[in-house]
Amino acid sequence: MEPIKIELPTIFEGMTVNAWLFKGSEPTLIDCGEKTDKLWDALIDGLKINGLGIQDLKKVIITHAHLDHIGMAKKITDHSDATIWVSEYVYDWATDLKTMLDRRTAAIMEIMHKNYPNKLIKEYFSFGYEALVPYWDEIPKDRIQVFPMEGQLNFGGDDWDIIYTPGHCINQTCFHNPKNGYFISADMLLRIIPNPIIDAGLQPPYARVKSLVMQLASYEKIAKLNITKTFPGHFDIIDNAPELIEKQVQKIRLRTEKCFTLIQDGIHSAIDLANGIYPNRINNATLFMVIGFLDILQEEGRIDAIEKEGLLHYYDKKRAVSKV
C-alpha cells in the first residue's frame, strides 16, 4: 500500500510538512504536524478528502521529536482513540517536553556562544521551551506505544524495517519496506540537504553531539538499502534516492573542503567562515552547517580549535600556529 500525502502548513515561512496517510482497516498517520488552528483545519480537510475523519485514526507514528512532526499528536488523542507510537528515544520528548527542550537548548547555546557573536545568536536562534510550547503539547502516557530503534513496525498492511537515522535529529527514525523498496524518510532524505540541528546526547551528561558527522553516517546506512520510492517529511515524493544521496553527500564534502581551504587561507572564526561559504545567506541553517563542517574537520584530525577573545578560532593542524 502506498501512503497518501497530506500536506500541512507550518509556522516556518515558506515551508509545509507532510503527514503520510495509510488507509485500510487501521488508518494510520506518519507524523502529524504542529499544533495550530490552521494546521488542524488542513488535517481535517486532508482526511475528509480521503473519506476519513480524525475520529477514524487508529495509529499516529512519529518519526522524530521536532514540533512540525509531533506537536499535534496530543490534540489528535483528544478527538480519537488513536494510539501515538514513538521510539524509545522520542518517549521523553513526548512526555517531558520542558526538560528535553531545555536540554537541547543548552547544547545549542553552548556551541553557539563559543562560535558566534551574541548579537547574531539573539537574531537567529530561538529554540527554547517558551518559543516552542505554544505549538507542541505533551502526550498522555496512557496513549503512547513505544517502539525500539531496530526491528519492524506493522502499518499499512506491511512490516516495515525501523531505520535509526540520527543527524538532522538525534532521535529520528525512518521506515523501509523491504518488499517493495518504499522508504519513509522523515527529514533524513529531502530534496535539499536536511539541516543538522544541534542536539544534546542521549545519555548523561547530555553533551552536544556532532550532528553532521552523524548525518553522514546515516547517509551511508540508507545508501545500502534498496529504495525505489521515498516519502519524505517535506516536499514531493523522491524517485531517485541513490542519486540524491550521492549528490547530497558530495555537496557536504565539497563545502567541508571549502571550509578547510578558507581556514588555510587565513579565515579562522566561524562567522567569517560562514560568510565565506554562504555569502549573503546567513541564517540559522547555514550557521548550523558551518558548525557541522568544523566538526567533520575536527573528527578527521585536520584542524585545531583555539579560544581567542571568548570565541573559538580554527587552524590547520599541520601548520604552525605560532602567530596565534
Protein backbone atom coordinates (compact mmCIF):
# COMPACT_ATOMS: atom_id res chain seq x y z
CA MET A 1 0.00 0.00 0.00
CA GLU A 2 1.35 3.41 -0.98
CA PRO A 3 0.78 6.21 1.53
CA ILE A 4 -1.22 9.32 0.69
CA LYS A 5 0.39 12.70 1.22
CA ILE A 6 -1.46 15.23 3.37
CA GLU A 7 0.49 18.46 3.06
CA LEU A 8 0.17 20.69 6.12
CA PRO A 9 1.15 24.29 6.86
CA THR A 10 3.85 25.13 9.40
CA ILE A 11 4.95 28.18 11.36
CA PHE A 12 8.18 28.20 9.34
CA GLU A 13 7.99 30.68 6.49
CA GLY A 14 7.61 29.07 3.09
CA MET A 15 7.55 25.52 4.50
CA THR A 16 4.98 22.76 4.71
CA VAL A 17 5.22 19.35 6.36
CA ASN A 18 3.93 16.01 5.13
CA ALA A 19 1.72 13.65 7.08
CA TRP A 20 1.56 10.30 5.28
CA LEU A 21 -1.79 8.52 5.48
CA PHE A 22 -2.31 4.78 5.24
CA LYS A 23 -5.96 3.88 4.82
CA GLY A 24 -7.43 0.40 5.23
CA SER A 25 -8.72 -1.33 8.35
CA GLU A 26 -6.32 0.56 10.64
CA PRO A 27 -6.00 4.16 9.38
CA THR A 28 -2.52 5.40 10.28
CA LEU A 29 -0.71 8.72 10.02
CA ILE A 30 3.05 9.01 9.84
CA ASP A 31 3.70 12.34 11.61
CA CYS A 32 1.01 14.92 12.27
CA GLY A 33 2.38 18.47 12.17
CA GLU A 34 2.46 21.15 14.85
CA LYS A 35 -0.38 22.46 16.99
CA THR A 36 -2.02 25.39 15.21
CA ASP A 37 -5.61 26.05 14.19
CA LYS A 38 -4.54 26.41 10.57
CA LEU A 39 -2.84 23.03 10.55
CA TRP A 40 -5.75 21.35 12.36
CA ASP A 41 -8.17 22.58 9.69
CA ALA A 42 -5.83 21.39 6.93
CA LEU A 43 -5.50 17.96 8.56
CA ILE A 44 -9.29 17.60 8.86
CA ASP A 45 -9.66 18.62 5.21
CA GLY A 46 -6.95 16.20 4.09
CA LEU A 47 -8.56 13.30 5.89
CA LYS A 48 -12.03 14.24 4.62
CA ILE A 49 -10.84 14.19 1.01
CA ASN A 50 -9.85 10.58 1.68
CA GLY A 51 -13.14 9.62 3.30
CA LEU A 52 -11.93 9.80 6.88
CA GLY A 53 -12.23 11.94 9.96
CA ILE A 54 -9.91 12.48 12.91
CA GLN A 55 -12.05 10.04 14.88
CA ASP A 56 -11.18 7.26 12.40
CA LEU A 57 -7.44 7.33 13.08
CA LYS A 58 -6.08 4.31 14.92
CA LYS A 59 -2.33 5.00 14.89
CA VAL A 60 -0.10 8.05 14.63
CA ILE A 61 3.55 7.10 14.22
CA ILE A 62 6.10 9.81 14.99
CA THR A 63 9.41 9.79 13.13
CA HIS A 64 11.20 12.31 15.34
CA ALA A 65 10.70 14.90 18.05
CA HIS A 66 10.56 18.17 16.12
CA LEU A 67 7.44 20.24 16.65
CA ASP A 68 6.34 20.12 13.00
CA HIS A 69 6.18 16.32 13.20
CA ILE A 70 4.80 15.68 16.69
CA GLY A 71 3.16 18.85 18.02
CA MET A 72 -0.44 17.98 17.07
CA ALA A 73 -0.35 14.42 18.44
CA LYS A 74 -1.99 15.22 21.78
CA LYS A 75 -4.92 17.03 20.16
CA ILE A 76 -5.47 14.00 17.93
CA THR A 77 -5.80 11.86 21.06
CA ASP A 78 -8.43 14.32 22.34
CA HIS A 79 -10.59 13.65 19.28
CA SER A 80 -9.94 9.98 18.54
CA ASP A 81 -8.97 6.64 20.04
CA ALA A 82 -5.63 6.73 18.20
CA THR A 83 -2.51 5.43 19.87
CA ILE A 84 0.63 7.55 19.40
CA TRP A 85 3.62 5.41 18.50
CA VAL A 86 7.03 6.86 19.37
CA SER A 87 10.51 5.41 19.52
CA GLU A 88 12.27 4.84 22.81
CA TYR A 89 14.38 7.93 22.04
CA VAL A 90 11.31 10.11 21.43
CA TYR A 91 9.37 9.00 24.52
CA ASP A 92 10.84 11.60 26.88
CA TRP A 93 10.11 14.32 24.33
CA ALA A 94 6.50 13.15 24.20
CA THR A 95 6.04 13.16 27.98
CA ASP A 96 8.54 15.64 29.48
CA LEU A 97 8.83 18.39 26.91
CA LYS A 98 10.31 21.17 29.02
CA THR A 99 13.20 19.04 30.27
CA MET A 100 14.06 17.91 26.76
CA LEU A 101 13.78 21.34 25.15
CA ASP A 102 15.87 22.88 27.94
CA ARG A 103 18.49 20.16 27.45
CA ARG A 104 18.66 20.70 23.69
CA THR A 105 18.69 24.48 24.07
CA ALA A 106 21.62 24.25 26.48
CA ALA A 107 23.58 22.18 23.95
CA ILE A 108 22.78 24.63 21.15
CA MET A 109 23.62 27.73 23.15
CA GLU A 110 26.90 26.32 24.46
CA ILE A 111 28.34 25.73 21.00
CA MET A 112 26.78 28.90 19.56
CA HIS A 113 28.34 31.11 22.24
CA LYS A 114 31.72 29.51 21.53
CA ASN A 115 31.49 30.36 17.84
CA TYR A 116 29.21 33.30 17.06
CA PRO A 117 28.75 36.84 18.40
CA ASN A 118 25.93 37.31 20.92
CA LYS A 119 24.06 39.71 18.61
CA LEU A 120 23.92 37.05 15.90
CA ILE A 121 22.73 34.39 18.34
CA LYS A 122 19.84 36.58 19.53
CA GLU A 123 18.83 37.26 15.94
CA TYR A 124 18.79 33.70 14.65
CA PHE A 125 18.30 31.23 17.48
CA SER A 126 15.05 30.70 19.37
CA PHE A 127 14.70 27.00 20.17
CA GLY A 128 13.69 27.18 23.82
CA TYR A 129 10.62 25.99 25.66
CA GLU A 130 8.87 29.37 25.74
CA ALA A 131 9.20 29.77 21.98
CA LEU A 132 8.00 26.29 21.02
CA VAL A 133 5.48 25.17 23.64
CA PRO A 134 2.54 27.06 22.04
CA TYR A 135 2.84 24.65 19.09
CA TRP A 136 3.58 21.39 20.90
CA ASP A 137 1.67 19.52 23.61
CA GLU A 138 2.85 16.63 25.74
CA ILE A 139 1.06 13.34 25.04
CA PRO A 140 -0.72 11.40 27.82
CA LYS A 141 1.40 8.41 28.76
CA ASP A 142 -1.55 6.05 28.56
CA ARG A 143 -1.99 6.91 24.86
CA ILE A 144 1.61 6.14 23.89
CA GLN A 145 3.08 2.94 22.48
CA VAL A 146 6.89 2.73 22.37
CA PHE A 147 8.79 1.01 19.58
CA PRO A 148 12.53 0.14 19.63
CA MET A 149 15.23 1.65 17.43
CA GLU A 150 15.53 -1.53 15.40
CA GLY A 151 13.25 -4.32 14.31
CA GLN A 152 9.97 -3.92 12.47
CA LEU A 153 6.72 -2.00 12.79
CA ASN A 154 3.46 -3.01 11.10
CA PHE A 155 1.32 -0.40 9.39
CA GLY A 156 -0.45 -0.07 6.07
CA GLY A 157 -0.74 -3.86 5.92
CA ASP A 158 3.04 -4.42 5.81
CA ASP A 159 6.01 -4.93 8.11
CA TRP A 160 8.43 -2.01 7.82
CA ASP A 161 12.05 -2.08 8.99
CA ILE A 162 12.86 0.57 11.59
CA ILE A 163 15.96 2.51 10.50
CA TYR A 164 17.64 4.76 13.08
CA THR A 165 19.00 7.83 11.24
CA PRO A 166 20.45 10.47 13.57
CA GLY A 167 21.86 13.69 12.14
CA HIS A 168 19.06 16.11 11.40
CA CYS A 169 17.68 14.94 14.75
CA ILE A 170 19.30 12.57 17.24
CA ASN A 171 16.06 10.64 17.78
CA GLN A 172 14.97 10.29 14.14
CA THR A 173 13.74 7.02 12.67
CA CYS A 174 12.86 6.18 9.10
CA PHE A 175 10.92 3.16 7.82
CA HIS A 176 11.83 0.88 4.93
CA ASN A 177 9.59 -1.70 3.30
CA PRO A 178 11.92 -4.49 2.14
CA LYS A 179 9.25 -5.98 -0.14
CA ASN A 180 8.72 -3.00 -2.43
CA GLY A 181 11.60 -0.68 -1.54
CA TYR A 182 9.37 2.10 -0.23
CA PHE A 183 11.17 4.41 2.20
CA ILE A 184 9.50 6.81 4.63
CA SER A 185 12.44 9.14 5.11
CA ALA A 186 11.19 11.71 7.64
CA ASP A 187 13.77 14.54 7.41
CA MET A 188 16.69 12.24 6.65
CA LEU A 189 16.28 12.45 2.89
CA LEU A 190 14.72 15.55 1.35
CA ARG A 191 15.20 17.28 -1.99
CA ILE A 192 17.52 19.67 -0.11
CA ILE A 193 20.18 18.74 2.45
CA PRO A 194 18.48 18.45 5.85
CA ASN A 195 19.70 20.95 8.41
CA PRO A 196 21.85 19.16 11.05
CA ILE A 197 20.05 20.54 14.11
CA ILE A 198 22.35 20.57 17.13
CA ASP A 199 21.23 18.11 19.81
CA ALA A 200 22.17 17.01 23.29
CA GLY A 201 23.39 13.45 23.67
CA LEU A 202 21.09 10.64 24.73
CA GLN A 203 22.94 9.88 27.97
CA PRO A 204 24.29 11.99 30.85
CA PRO A 205 25.99 14.45 30.84
CA TYR A 206 23.95 15.18 27.67
CA ALA A 207 26.87 16.77 25.88
CA ARG A 208 26.41 18.14 22.39
CA VAL A 209 26.63 15.59 19.60
CA LYS A 210 28.25 16.20 16.22
CA SER A 211 25.09 16.23 14.15
CA LEU A 212 26.54 16.49 10.64
CA VAL A 213 29.05 13.73 11.37
CA MET A 214 26.13 11.54 12.42
CA GLN A 215 24.17 12.59 9.34
CA LEU A 216 26.94 11.40 7.02
CA ALA A 217 26.91 8.03 8.80
CA SER A 218 23.13 7.86 8.31
CA TYR A 219 23.53 8.60 4.59
CA GLU A 220 25.95 5.68 4.41
CA LYS A 221 23.41 3.45 6.15
CA ILE A 222 20.45 4.28 3.92
CA ALA A 223 22.58 4.12 0.76
CA LYS A 224 22.80 0.36 1.37
CA LEU A 225 19.01 -0.04 1.25
CA ASN A 226 17.05 -0.95 -1.86
CA ILE A 227 14.99 2.25 -2.15
CA THR A 228 12.53 2.51 -5.04
CA LYS A 229 10.35 5.40 -3.83
CA THR A 230 10.86 7.83 -0.96
CA PHE A 231 8.11 9.54 1.04
CA PRO A 232 9.84 12.47 2.77
CA GLY A 233 8.83 14.70 5.67
CA HIS A 234 8.79 17.74 3.39
CA PHE A 235 8.37 18.41 -0.34
CA ASP A 236 7.49 15.85 -3.02
CA ILE A 237 7.98 12.11 -3.41
CA ILE A 238 11.55 11.22 -4.40
CA ASP A 239 12.14 8.69 -7.18
CA ASN A 240 15.95 8.90 -7.39
CA ALA A 241 17.11 8.21 -3.84
CA PRO A 242 20.53 6.67 -4.66
CA GLU A 243 21.50 9.60 -6.89
CA LEU A 244 20.17 12.15 -4.41
CA ILE A 245 22.07 10.58 -1.51
CA GLU A 246 25.31 10.65 -3.53
CA LYS A 247 24.71 14.25 -4.59
CA GLN A 248 24.00 15.47 -1.06
CA VAL A 249 26.99 13.67 0.45
CA GLN A 250 29.22 15.12 -2.27
CA LYS A 251 27.90 18.63 -1.61
CA ILE A 252 28.62 18.29 2.11
CA ARG A 253 32.12 17.04 1.34
CA LEU A 254 32.76 19.87 -1.12
CA ARG A 255 31.62 22.52 1.34
CA THR A 256 33.69 20.92 4.08
CA GLU A 257 36.73 21.20 1.80
CA LYS A 258 35.86 24.81 1.06
CA CYS A 259 35.74 25.44 4.80
CA PHE A 260 39.18 23.86 5.17
CA THR A 261 40.60 25.90 2.29
CA LEU A 262 39.29 29.11 3.85
CA ILE A 263 40.98 28.18 7.13
CA GLN A 264 44.23 27.55 5.28
CA ASP A 265 43.83 30.94 3.61
CA GLY A 266 43.66 32.72 6.97
CA ILE A 267 39.95 32.80 7.85
CA HIS A 268 39.62 31.37 11.33
CA SER A 269 36.34 32.38 13.01
CA ALA A 270 33.08 30.53 12.45
CA ILE A 271 31.17 33.64 11.40
CA ASP A 272 33.82 34.61 8.83
CA LEU A 273 33.81 31.04 7.55
CA ALA A 274 30.02 31.18 7.27
CA ASN A 275 30.22 34.37 5.24
CA GLY A 276 32.85 32.78 3.02
CA ILE A 277 30.86 29.61 2.38
CA TYR A 278 27.40 31.18 2.25
CA PRO A 279 27.80 34.82 1.12
CA ASN A 280 24.64 36.82 1.79
CA ARG A 281 22.93 33.69 3.19
CA ILE A 282 23.46 33.88 6.93
CA ASN A 283 20.62 32.20 8.83
CA ASN A 284 20.26 29.50 11.46
CA ALA A 285 20.52 26.73 8.85
CA THR A 286 23.81 27.94 7.40
CA LEU A 287 25.26 28.66 10.84
CA PHE A 288 24.43 25.09 11.93
CA MET A 289 26.01 23.74 8.73
CA VAL A 290 29.28 25.55 9.39
CA ILE A 291 29.46 24.02 12.86
CA GLY A 292 28.95 20.69 11.10
CA PHE A 293 31.80 21.28 8.63
CA LEU A 294 34.09 22.20 11.52
CA ASP A 295 33.01 19.06 13.40
CA ILE A 296 33.89 16.90 10.38
CA LEU A 297 37.31 18.52 10.04
CA GLN A 298 38.00 18.09 13.75
CA GLU A 299 36.76 14.48 13.65
CA GLU A 300 39.19 13.83 10.80
CA GLY A 301 42.02 15.39 12.80
CA ARG A 302 42.65 18.16 10.27
CA ILE A 303 42.06 21.28 12.37
CA ASP A 304 42.59 22.56 15.89
CA ALA A 305 40.29 24.92 17.78
CA ILE A 306 41.87 27.66 19.91
CA GLU A 307 39.91 30.14 22.00
CA LYS A 308 40.63 33.83 21.40
CA GLU A 309 38.69 36.68 22.99
CA GLY A 310 35.89 34.36 24.06
CA LEU A 311 35.37 32.68 20.66
CA LEU A 312 36.88 29.60 19.06
CA HIS A 313 39.21 30.07 16.10
CA TYR A 314 40.17 27.21 13.80
CA TYR A 315 43.59 26.38 12.31
CA ASP A 316 45.10 23.81 10.00
CA LYS A 317 46.59 21.25 12.36
CA LYS A 318 49.61 20.67 10.12
CA ARG A 319 50.63 24.32 10.03
CA ALA A 320 52.42 26.25 12.70
CA VAL A 321 50.19 28.42 14.88
CA SER A 322 52.97 30.47 16.43
CA LYS A 323 51.27 33.66 15.24
CA VAL A 324 48.06 32.86 17.08
